[in-house]
N, C-alpha and C. Protein backbone atom coordinates (compact mmCIF):
# COMPACT_ATOMS: atom_id res chain seq x y z
N UNK A 1 -18.39 1.71 -1.10
CA UNK A 1 -18.56 0.20 -1.47
C UNK A 1 -18.37 -0.34 -0.06
N UNK A 2 -18.86 -1.20 -0.12
CA UNK A 2 -18.37 -2.04 1.13
C UNK A 2 -17.88 -3.46 0.58
N UNK A 3 -16.85 -3.74 0.80
CA UNK A 3 -16.33 -5.00 0.11
C UNK A 3 -16.64 -6.35 1.14
N UNK A 4 -16.97 -7.52 0.42
CA UNK A 4 -16.81 -8.56 1.01
C UNK A 4 -15.81 -9.00 1.50
N UNK A 5 -15.89 -9.31 2.57
CA UNK A 5 -14.97 -9.89 3.77
C UNK A 5 -14.04 -10.63 2.86
N UNK A 6 -14.31 -11.93 2.10
CA UNK A 6 -13.49 -13.17 1.17
C UNK A 6 -12.61 -11.93 0.26
N UNK A 7 -13.23 -11.16 -0.37
CA UNK A 7 -12.63 -10.15 -1.37
C UNK A 7 -11.44 -9.53 -0.58
N UNK A 8 -11.96 -8.86 0.77
CA UNK A 8 -10.68 -8.39 1.35
C UNK A 8 -9.73 -8.89 1.76
N UNK A 9 -10.00 -10.40 2.23
CA UNK A 9 -9.05 -11.13 2.66
C UNK A 9 -7.85 -11.83 1.22
N UNK A 10 -8.75 -11.68 -0.03
CA UNK A 10 -7.78 -11.84 -0.98
C UNK A 10 -6.87 -10.17 -1.46
N UNK A 11 -7.68 -9.35 -1.19
CA UNK A 11 -6.81 -8.40 -1.68
C UNK A 11 -5.34 -7.60 -0.06
N UNK A 12 -5.76 -8.20 1.05
CA UNK A 12 -4.69 -8.15 1.74
C UNK A 12 -3.86 -9.12 1.71
N UNK A 13 -4.09 -10.45 0.94
CA UNK A 13 -2.78 -11.28 0.86
C UNK A 13 -1.73 -10.62 -0.26
N UNK A 14 -2.26 -9.95 -1.24
CA UNK A 14 -1.82 -9.71 -2.40
C UNK A 14 -1.56 -8.19 -2.04
N UNK A 15 -1.52 -7.70 -1.75
CA UNK A 15 -1.12 -6.03 -0.83
C UNK A 15 0.15 -6.97 -0.16
N UNK A 16 0.04 -7.89 0.68
CA UNK A 16 1.31 -7.77 1.65
C UNK A 16 2.20 -8.59 1.03
N UNK A 17 1.64 -9.52 -0.40
CA UNK A 17 2.99 -10.01 -1.14
C UNK A 17 3.62 -9.05 -1.72
N UNK A 18 3.04 -8.23 -2.14
CA UNK A 18 3.41 -6.61 -2.95
C UNK A 18 4.54 -5.79 -2.19
N UNK A 19 4.37 -5.61 -0.88
CA UNK A 19 5.12 -4.89 -0.22
C UNK A 19 5.73 -5.34 0.41
N UNK A 20 6.20 -7.10 0.29
CA UNK A 20 7.31 -7.87 0.70
C UNK A 20 8.17 -7.22 -0.73
N UNK A 21 7.86 -7.84 -1.68
CA UNK A 21 8.42 -7.82 -2.68
C UNK A 21 9.21 -6.52 -2.82
N UNK A 22 8.72 -5.05 -2.87
CA UNK A 22 9.16 -3.94 -2.97
C UNK A 22 9.52 -3.30 -2.23
N UNK A 23 8.77 -3.39 -0.83
CA UNK A 23 9.17 -2.53 0.24
C UNK A 23 8.04 -1.24 0.34
N UNK A 24 7.28 -1.54 -0.54
CA UNK A 24 6.47 -0.21 -0.03
C UNK A 24 5.52 -0.32 -1.11
N UNK A 25 4.20 0.78 -1.09
CA UNK A 25 3.14 0.88 -2.20
C UNK A 25 3.28 2.18 -2.98
N UNK A 26 2.89 2.81 -3.55
CA UNK A 26 2.76 3.67 -4.17
C UNK A 26 1.39 4.60 -3.95
N UNK A 27 1.38 5.75 -3.72
CA UNK A 27 0.45 6.33 -3.28
C UNK A 27 0.33 7.34 -4.62
N UNK A 28 -1.05 7.80 -5.26
CA UNK A 28 -1.25 8.91 -6.28
C UNK A 28 -2.11 9.81 -5.76
N UNK A 29 -1.86 10.97 -5.50
CA UNK A 29 -2.27 12.09 -5.35
C UNK A 29 -2.34 12.85 -6.45
N UNK A 30 -3.17 14.46 -6.28
CA UNK A 30 -3.27 15.21 -7.18
C UNK A 30 -3.20 16.59 -7.04
N UNK A 31 -2.25 17.44 -7.10
CA UNK A 31 -1.86 18.66 -6.67
C UNK A 31 -2.94 19.67 -7.45
N UNK A 32 -3.17 20.90 -6.45
CA UNK A 32 -4.57 21.88 -6.81
C UNK A 32 -4.28 22.24 -8.37
N UNK A 33 -2.85 21.96 -9.09
CA UNK A 33 -2.84 22.42 -10.54
C UNK A 33 -3.11 20.89 -11.38
N UNK A 34 -3.91 20.15 -10.68
CA UNK A 34 -4.00 18.55 -10.96
C UNK A 34 -2.86 17.87 -11.55
N UNK A 35 -1.30 18.54 -11.17
CA UNK A 35 -0.34 17.51 -11.73
C UNK A 35 -0.21 16.27 -10.69
N UNK A 36 0.03 15.14 -11.23
CA UNK A 36 -0.32 14.08 -10.51
C UNK A 36 1.21 13.76 -9.67
N UNK A 37 1.06 13.11 -8.80
CA UNK A 37 2.28 12.77 -7.45
C UNK A 37 2.21 11.46 -7.44
N UNK A 38 3.02 10.80 -7.32
CA UNK A 38 3.39 9.40 -6.58
C UNK A 38 4.30 9.57 -5.77
N UNK A 39 3.68 8.75 -4.25
CA UNK A 39 4.69 8.90 -3.36
C UNK A 39 4.80 6.96 -2.42
N UNK A 40 6.04 7.04 -2.93
CA UNK A 40 6.43 5.57 -2.54
C UNK A 40 6.27 5.72 -1.19
N UNK A 41 5.28 4.50 -0.08
CA UNK A 41 5.56 4.52 1.36
C UNK A 41 5.14 3.09 1.87
N UNK A 42 6.13 2.87 2.25
CA UNK A 42 6.48 1.19 2.84
C UNK A 42 6.06 0.70 3.95
N UNK A 43 5.31 2.00 4.68
CA UNK A 43 4.71 1.58 5.78
C UNK A 43 2.82 1.64 5.87
N UNK A 44 2.37 1.11 4.72
CA UNK A 44 0.99 0.79 4.83
C UNK A 44 0.46 -0.02 5.45
N UNK A 45 -0.70 -0.11 6.08
CA UNK A 45 -0.76 -1.55 7.42
C UNK A 45 -2.50 -1.07 6.57
N UNK A 46 -3.02 -2.85 5.91
CA UNK A 46 -4.42 -3.09 5.80
C UNK A 46 -4.94 -3.39 7.21
N UNK A 47 -5.91 -3.22 7.97
CA UNK A 47 -6.55 -3.75 9.28
C UNK A 47 -7.52 -5.08 8.82
N UNK A 48 -8.41 -5.68 9.47
CA UNK A 48 -9.41 -6.56 9.03
C UNK A 48 -10.72 -5.99 8.17
N UNK A 49 -10.88 -4.91 8.27
CA UNK A 49 -12.46 -4.95 7.89
C UNK A 49 -12.35 -3.78 6.87
N UNK A 50 -11.30 -3.78 6.26
CA UNK A 50 -11.45 -2.65 4.80
C UNK A 50 -11.05 -1.20 5.60
N UNK A 51 -10.24 -1.47 6.60
CA UNK A 51 -9.11 0.27 6.48
C UNK A 51 -7.85 -0.08 6.33
N UNK A 52 -7.16 0.69 7.03
CA UNK A 52 -5.67 0.97 7.21
C UNK A 52 -5.69 2.26 7.26
N UNK A 53 -3.66 2.14 7.38
CA UNK A 53 -3.05 3.56 7.94
C UNK A 53 -1.89 3.16 7.30
N UNK A 54 -1.38 4.47 7.73
CA UNK A 54 -0.14 4.53 6.72
C UNK A 54 0.71 5.64 8.29
N UNK A 55 1.91 5.30 7.72
CA UNK A 55 3.11 6.46 8.90
C UNK A 55 3.18 7.64 7.78
N UNK A 56 3.13 8.70 8.13
CA UNK A 56 3.33 9.82 7.26
C UNK A 56 4.41 10.43 7.99
N UNK A 57 5.29 10.28 7.44
CA UNK A 57 6.48 11.72 8.18
C UNK A 57 7.07 12.30 7.11
N UNK A 58 7.40 11.90 5.74
CA UNK A 58 8.21 12.46 5.04
C UNK A 58 7.79 12.94 3.41
N UNK A 59 6.19 12.30 3.73
CA UNK A 59 5.38 12.82 2.35
C UNK A 59 5.19 14.21 2.17
N UNK A 60 5.71 15.10 1.78
CA UNK A 60 5.84 16.88 1.44
C UNK A 60 4.77 16.88 0.73
N UNK A 61 4.85 16.13 -0.83
CA UNK A 61 4.02 16.71 -1.76
C UNK A 61 2.35 16.18 -1.48
N UNK A 62 2.53 14.81 -1.27
CA UNK A 62 1.59 14.33 -0.36
C UNK A 62 0.17 15.26 0.63
N UNK A 63 0.83 15.36 1.45
CA UNK A 63 0.57 16.08 2.69
C UNK A 63 -0.02 17.20 1.93
N UNK A 64 0.38 17.70 1.27
CA UNK A 64 0.34 19.32 0.60
C UNK A 64 -1.05 19.16 -0.63
N UNK A 65 -0.66 17.92 -1.30
CA UNK A 65 -2.40 17.42 -2.45
C UNK A 65 -3.29 17.48 -1.38
N UNK A 66 -3.04 16.72 0.05
CA UNK A 66 -4.38 16.16 0.63
C UNK A 66 -5.06 17.38 0.87
N UNK A 67 -4.28 18.63 1.25
CA UNK A 67 -5.30 19.71 1.81
C UNK A 67 -6.15 20.17 0.73
N UNK A 68 -5.93 20.06 -1.07
CA UNK A 68 -7.14 19.72 -1.88
C UNK A 68 -8.45 18.95 -2.09
N UNK A 69 -7.82 18.02 -1.97
CA UNK A 69 -8.22 16.80 -2.14
C UNK A 69 -7.71 15.53 -1.77
N UNK A 70 -8.59 14.64 -1.05
CA UNK A 70 -8.00 13.74 0.11
C UNK A 70 -7.90 12.37 -0.57
N UNK A 71 -8.65 12.07 -2.00
CA UNK A 71 -8.63 10.84 -2.72
C UNK A 71 -7.48 10.58 -3.12
N UNK A 72 -7.14 9.51 -2.98
CA UNK A 72 -5.90 8.72 -3.35
C UNK A 72 -6.26 7.53 -3.89
N UNK A 73 -5.47 6.77 -4.75
CA UNK A 73 -5.12 6.02 -5.16
C UNK A 73 -3.74 4.70 -5.05
N UNK A 74 -3.98 3.97 -3.84
CA UNK A 74 -3.10 3.04 -3.53
C UNK A 74 -2.64 1.90 -4.11
N UNK A 75 -1.55 1.70 -4.60
CA UNK A 75 -1.14 0.45 -6.10
C UNK A 75 0.07 -0.16 -5.27
N UNK A 76 -0.30 -1.28 -5.70
CA UNK A 76 0.65 -2.45 -4.66
C UNK A 76 0.85 -3.29 -5.80
N UNK A 77 2.34 -3.77 -6.40
CA UNK A 77 2.10 -4.97 -7.57
C UNK A 77 3.16 -5.24 -6.76
N UNK A 78 3.27 -6.87 -7.14
CA UNK A 78 4.21 -7.94 -6.61
C UNK A 78 5.15 -7.75 -7.58
N UNK A 79 6.39 -7.59 -7.82
CA UNK A 79 7.37 -7.07 -8.39
C UNK A 79 8.94 -8.39 -8.04
N UNK A 80 8.26 -9.15 -7.06
CA UNK A 80 8.71 -10.98 -7.34
C UNK A 80 9.41 -11.14 -8.31
N UNK A 81 10.61 -11.34 -8.71
CA UNK A 81 11.04 -11.85 -10.20
C UNK A 81 10.52 -13.56 -10.08
N UNK A 82 10.55 -14.13 -9.26
CA UNK A 82 10.44 -15.66 -9.23
C UNK A 82 8.67 -15.75 -9.38
N UNK A 83 7.69 -14.49 -8.91
CA UNK A 83 6.46 -14.92 -9.42
C UNK A 83 6.38 -14.32 -10.64
N UNK A 84 6.80 -13.84 -11.41
CA UNK A 84 6.58 -13.34 -12.76
C UNK A 84 7.04 -14.05 -13.34
N UNK A 85 8.60 -14.22 -13.34
CA UNK A 85 9.05 -15.75 -14.01
C UNK A 85 7.76 -17.11 -13.89
N UNK A 86 7.91 -17.59 -13.15
CA UNK A 86 6.55 -18.57 -12.92
C UNK A 86 5.20 -18.46 -13.71
N UNK A 87 4.62 -17.35 -13.77
CA UNK A 87 3.87 -17.13 -14.06
C UNK A 87 3.97 -16.62 -15.86
N UNK A 88 5.57 -16.20 -16.37
CA UNK A 88 5.34 -16.33 -17.82
C UNK A 88 5.38 -18.04 -18.39
N UNK A 89 6.13 -18.63 -17.50
CA UNK A 89 6.60 -19.96 -17.99
C UNK A 89 4.90 -20.57 -18.34
N UNK A 90 4.27 -20.40 -17.44
CA UNK A 90 3.29 -21.30 -17.07
C UNK A 90 1.82 -20.64 -17.98
N UNK A 91 2.51 -18.98 -18.19
CA UNK A 91 1.04 -18.89 -19.14
C UNK A 91 0.12 -18.40 -18.40
N UNK A 92 0.17 -18.30 -17.01
CA UNK A 92 -1.06 -18.38 -16.28
C UNK A 92 -0.33 -17.54 -14.76
N UNK A 93 -1.51 -16.35 -14.48
CA UNK A 93 -0.88 -16.14 -13.19
C UNK A 93 -1.99 -16.92 -12.02
N UNK A 94 -0.87 -17.16 -10.87
CA UNK A 94 -2.07 -17.63 -10.01
C UNK A 94 -2.41 -17.24 -9.08
N UNK A 95 -2.08 -15.93 -9.40
CA UNK A 95 -2.39 -15.22 -7.82
C UNK A 95 -2.84 -13.61 -8.68
N UNK A 96 -3.34 -12.64 -8.48
CA UNK A 96 -3.65 -11.18 -8.96
C UNK A 96 -1.99 -10.57 -8.74
N UNK A 97 -1.26 -9.71 -9.61
CA UNK A 97 -0.23 -9.37 -9.73
C UNK A 97 -0.11 -8.43 -9.29
N UNK A 98 -1.10 -7.53 -8.79
CA UNK A 98 -1.36 -6.24 -8.00
C UNK A 98 -2.77 -5.99 -7.60
N UNK A 99 -2.89 -4.96 -6.97
CA UNK A 99 -4.37 -4.33 -6.34
C UNK A 99 -3.82 -3.06 -6.48
N UNK A 100 -5.03 -2.13 -7.09
CA UNK A 100 -5.35 -0.83 -6.93
C UNK A 100 -6.43 -0.57 -5.05
N UNK A 101 -6.11 0.63 -4.82
CA UNK A 101 -6.97 0.32 -3.79
C UNK A 101 -7.45 2.04 -3.60
N UNK A 102 -8.68 2.48 -3.83
CA UNK A 102 -9.49 4.24 -4.31
C UNK A 102 -10.15 4.41 -2.46
N UNK A 103 -8.97 5.57 -2.05
CA UNK A 103 -9.73 5.40 -0.24
C UNK A 103 -9.70 7.41 -0.60
N UNK A 104 -9.73 7.94 0.84
CA UNK A 104 -9.39 9.02 0.75
C UNK A 104 -8.62 8.56 2.53
N UNK A 105 -7.73 9.63 2.59
CA UNK A 105 -6.69 9.82 3.72
C UNK A 105 -7.33 10.73 4.40
N UNK A 106 -7.10 10.40 5.70
CA UNK A 106 -7.26 10.76 6.79
C UNK A 106 -6.26 12.06 7.49
N UNK A 107 -7.10 12.93 8.36
CA UNK A 107 -6.27 13.93 8.43
C UNK A 107 -4.90 13.36 9.35
N UNK A 108 -3.84 13.67 9.31
CA UNK A 108 -2.73 13.08 10.27
C UNK A 108 -3.13 13.42 11.86
N UNK A 109 -2.68 11.94 12.64
CA UNK A 109 -2.83 11.93 14.21
C UNK A 109 -2.38 11.09 14.79
N UNK A 110 -1.53 11.49 16.34
CA UNK A 110 -0.53 10.60 16.77
C UNK A 110 -0.74 9.18 16.47
N UNK A 111 0.19 8.23 16.20
CA UNK A 111 -0.10 6.85 16.31
C UNK A 111 -0.16 6.33 17.43
N UNK A 112 -0.81 5.44 17.46
CA UNK A 112 -1.28 4.62 18.61
C UNK A 112 0.33 3.47 19.19
N UNK A 113 -0.10 3.37 20.65
CA UNK A 113 1.13 2.19 21.02
C UNK A 113 1.34 0.80 19.71
N UNK A 114 0.13 0.61 19.42
CA UNK A 114 -0.18 -0.83 18.70
C UNK A 114 0.45 -0.45 17.40
N UNK A 115 0.17 0.73 17.00
CA UNK A 115 0.61 0.95 15.16
C UNK A 115 2.01 1.15 15.64
N UNK A 116 2.81 1.93 16.19
CA UNK A 116 4.16 1.78 16.72
C UNK A 116 4.59 0.15 16.30
N UNK A 117 3.96 -0.54 16.97
CA UNK A 117 4.56 -2.04 17.64
C UNK A 117 4.51 -2.63 16.21
N UNK A 118 3.55 -2.18 15.26
CA UNK A 118 3.45 -3.31 13.89
C UNK A 118 4.77 -2.13 12.75
N UNK A 119 4.46 -0.99 12.78
CA UNK A 119 5.74 -0.52 11.94
C UNK A 119 6.84 -1.18 12.80
N UNK A 120 7.38 -0.99 13.98
CA UNK A 120 8.84 -1.57 14.26
C UNK A 120 9.17 -2.93 13.84
N UNK A 121 7.69 -3.84 13.90
CA UNK A 121 7.77 -5.39 13.65
C UNK A 121 8.39 -5.21 12.27
N UNK A 122 8.17 -4.63 11.62
CA UNK A 122 8.32 -4.63 9.84
C UNK A 122 9.18 -4.08 9.27
N UNK A 123 9.77 -3.15 10.32
CA UNK A 123 11.21 -2.31 9.74
C UNK A 123 12.10 -3.03 11.09
N UNK A 124 12.33 -4.23 11.69
CA UNK A 124 13.01 -5.04 12.37
C UNK A 124 14.91 -5.25 11.95
N UNK A 125 14.12 -6.31 10.71
CA UNK A 125 15.28 -6.57 10.13
C UNK A 125 16.12 -5.63 9.67
N UNK A 126 15.73 -4.20 9.51
CA UNK A 126 16.92 -3.03 9.10
C UNK A 126 17.28 -2.50 9.95
N UNK A 127 16.84 -2.31 11.07
CA UNK A 127 16.89 -1.47 12.27
C UNK A 127 18.39 -1.20 12.83
N UNK A 128 19.44 -1.96 12.58
CA UNK A 128 20.53 -1.78 12.50
C UNK A 128 21.24 -1.28 11.40
N UNK A 129 20.88 -0.74 10.07
CA UNK A 129 21.70 0.27 9.69
C UNK A 129 21.45 1.18 10.05
N UNK A 130 22.43 2.11 9.14
CA UNK A 130 22.68 3.61 9.76
C UNK A 130 21.52 4.18 8.55
N UNK A 131 20.89 3.88 7.43
CA UNK A 131 19.76 4.30 6.58
C UNK A 131 18.51 4.43 7.56
N UNK A 132 17.97 2.99 8.28
CA UNK A 132 17.04 2.78 8.82
C UNK A 132 17.12 3.91 10.07
N UNK A 133 18.61 3.97 10.86
CA UNK A 133 18.37 4.99 11.81
C UNK A 133 18.03 6.52 11.27
N UNK A 134 18.67 6.76 10.22
CA UNK A 134 18.17 7.78 10.04
C UNK A 134 17.06 8.28 9.17
N UNK A 135 15.85 7.27 8.87
CA UNK A 135 14.67 7.81 8.13
C UNK A 135 13.47 7.27 8.67
N UNK A 136 13.92 5.89 9.82
CA UNK A 136 12.91 5.08 10.42
C UNK A 136 12.65 5.08 11.87
N UNK A 137 13.25 6.51 12.00
CA UNK A 137 13.87 6.59 13.79
C UNK A 137 12.31 7.37 14.48
N UNK A 138 11.67 7.89 13.97
CA UNK A 138 10.62 8.79 14.31
C UNK A 138 9.21 8.59 13.72
N UNK A 139 8.66 7.32 13.62
CA UNK A 139 7.31 7.15 13.38
C UNK A 139 6.58 7.51 14.63
N UNK A 140 6.03 8.82 14.64
CA UNK A 140 4.93 9.37 15.23
C UNK A 140 3.57 9.69 14.86
N UNK A 141 3.32 10.05 13.54
CA UNK A 141 2.28 10.36 12.89
C UNK A 141 1.30 8.97 11.72
N UNK A 142 0.57 9.14 12.09
CA UNK A 142 -0.54 8.28 10.75
C UNK A 142 -1.56 8.90 10.13
N UNK A 143 -2.22 8.33 8.90
CA UNK A 143 -3.18 8.70 8.02
C UNK A 143 -4.20 7.28 8.08
N UNK A 144 -4.83 7.29 8.34
CA UNK A 144 -6.04 6.43 8.63
C UNK A 144 -6.81 6.53 7.07
N UNK A 145 -7.54 5.54 6.50
CA UNK A 145 -8.30 5.49 5.51
C UNK A 145 -9.40 4.04 5.50
N UNK A 146 -10.11 4.79 4.55
CA UNK A 146 -11.51 3.14 4.53
C UNK A 146 -11.43 3.22 2.94
N UNK A 147 -11.24 1.95 2.80
CA UNK A 147 -10.99 1.51 0.82
C UNK A 147 -12.22 1.83 0.67
N UNK A 148 -12.91 2.36 -0.25
CA UNK A 148 -14.00 2.88 -0.99
C UNK A 148 -14.38 1.38 -2.26
N UNK A 149 -13.42 1.56 -2.60
CA UNK A 149 -13.47 0.49 -3.96
C UNK A 149 -11.61 -0.04 -4.34
N UNK A 150 -11.70 -1.09 -5.09
CA UNK A 150 -10.30 -1.32 -5.73
C UNK A 150 -10.77 -1.97 -6.79
N UNK A 151 -9.26 -1.91 -7.81
CA UNK A 151 -9.18 -2.70 -9.02
C UNK A 151 -8.27 -3.43 -8.88
N UNK A 152 -8.14 -4.69 -9.71
CA UNK A 152 -7.28 -5.71 -9.58
C UNK A 152 -6.20 -5.50 -11.35
N UNK A 153 -5.28 -5.29 -10.74
CA UNK A 153 -4.25 -5.28 -11.78
C UNK A 153 -3.87 -6.59 -12.55
N UNK A 154 -4.37 -6.38 -13.90
CA UNK A 154 -4.83 -7.60 -14.45
C UNK A 154 -4.19 -7.92 -16.03
N UNK A 155 -3.88 -8.76 -16.26
CA UNK A 155 -3.30 -8.81 -17.71
C UNK A 155 -4.36 -10.54 -18.09
N UNK A 156 -5.29 -9.85 -18.88
CA UNK A 156 -6.78 -10.96 -19.24
C UNK A 156 -6.34 -12.13 -19.25
N UNK A 157 -5.20 -12.30 -20.36
CA UNK A 157 -5.18 -13.38 -21.46
C UNK A 157 -4.01 -14.13 -20.49
N UNK A 158 -3.75 -14.27 -19.29
CA UNK A 158 -3.45 -14.60 -18.04
C UNK A 158 -3.93 -14.73 -17.01
N UNK A 159 -5.46 -14.89 -16.86
CA UNK A 159 -6.18 -14.67 -15.58
C UNK A 159 -6.77 -15.47 -15.76
N UNK A 160 -7.38 -16.43 -16.68
CA UNK A 160 -8.29 -17.42 -16.84
C UNK A 160 -8.66 -17.89 -15.05
N UNK A 161 -7.74 -18.55 -14.27
CA UNK A 161 -7.74 -19.13 -13.12
C UNK A 161 -8.46 -18.29 -12.30
N UNK A 162 -8.34 -16.92 -12.38
CA UNK A 162 -8.79 -15.99 -11.15
C UNK A 162 -9.63 -15.26 -11.57
N UNK A 163 -10.81 -15.23 -13.00
CA UNK A 163 -11.69 -14.51 -13.49
C UNK A 163 -13.06 -15.69 -12.98
């Protein structure tokens, strides 16, 4: 499926708001035994053309599951309390509360300098913390993906303006 550019721009906007409110997106994969696994990853980036990449440093189960099945669902939900409270007060969402991206994750490869710059920009505000130094100091490898399909997270009775 080729995603229309106008749809992709909406997807990117909703995804960005979701990542700002959560600091991560969830990636669902399935093991060889058929067991589902959710991996939260805060370093998912969407490009301009229906593709993206993520830094993969600590996701042991995800990496293991990808050996059998590279199909994943990347879910991003806007958990901003202000977004939800204003939506409930109005009885209407002004934007999609989230999106699911269906894709296949590619093989692990070395990150480019541009990709490293993007991740360092994202984590800059917390770089001074001990936790940041412990978990975000060694971003070297990424997995690329092309979005094959998507599905909005919807609550139909509050979606009139968006459908």
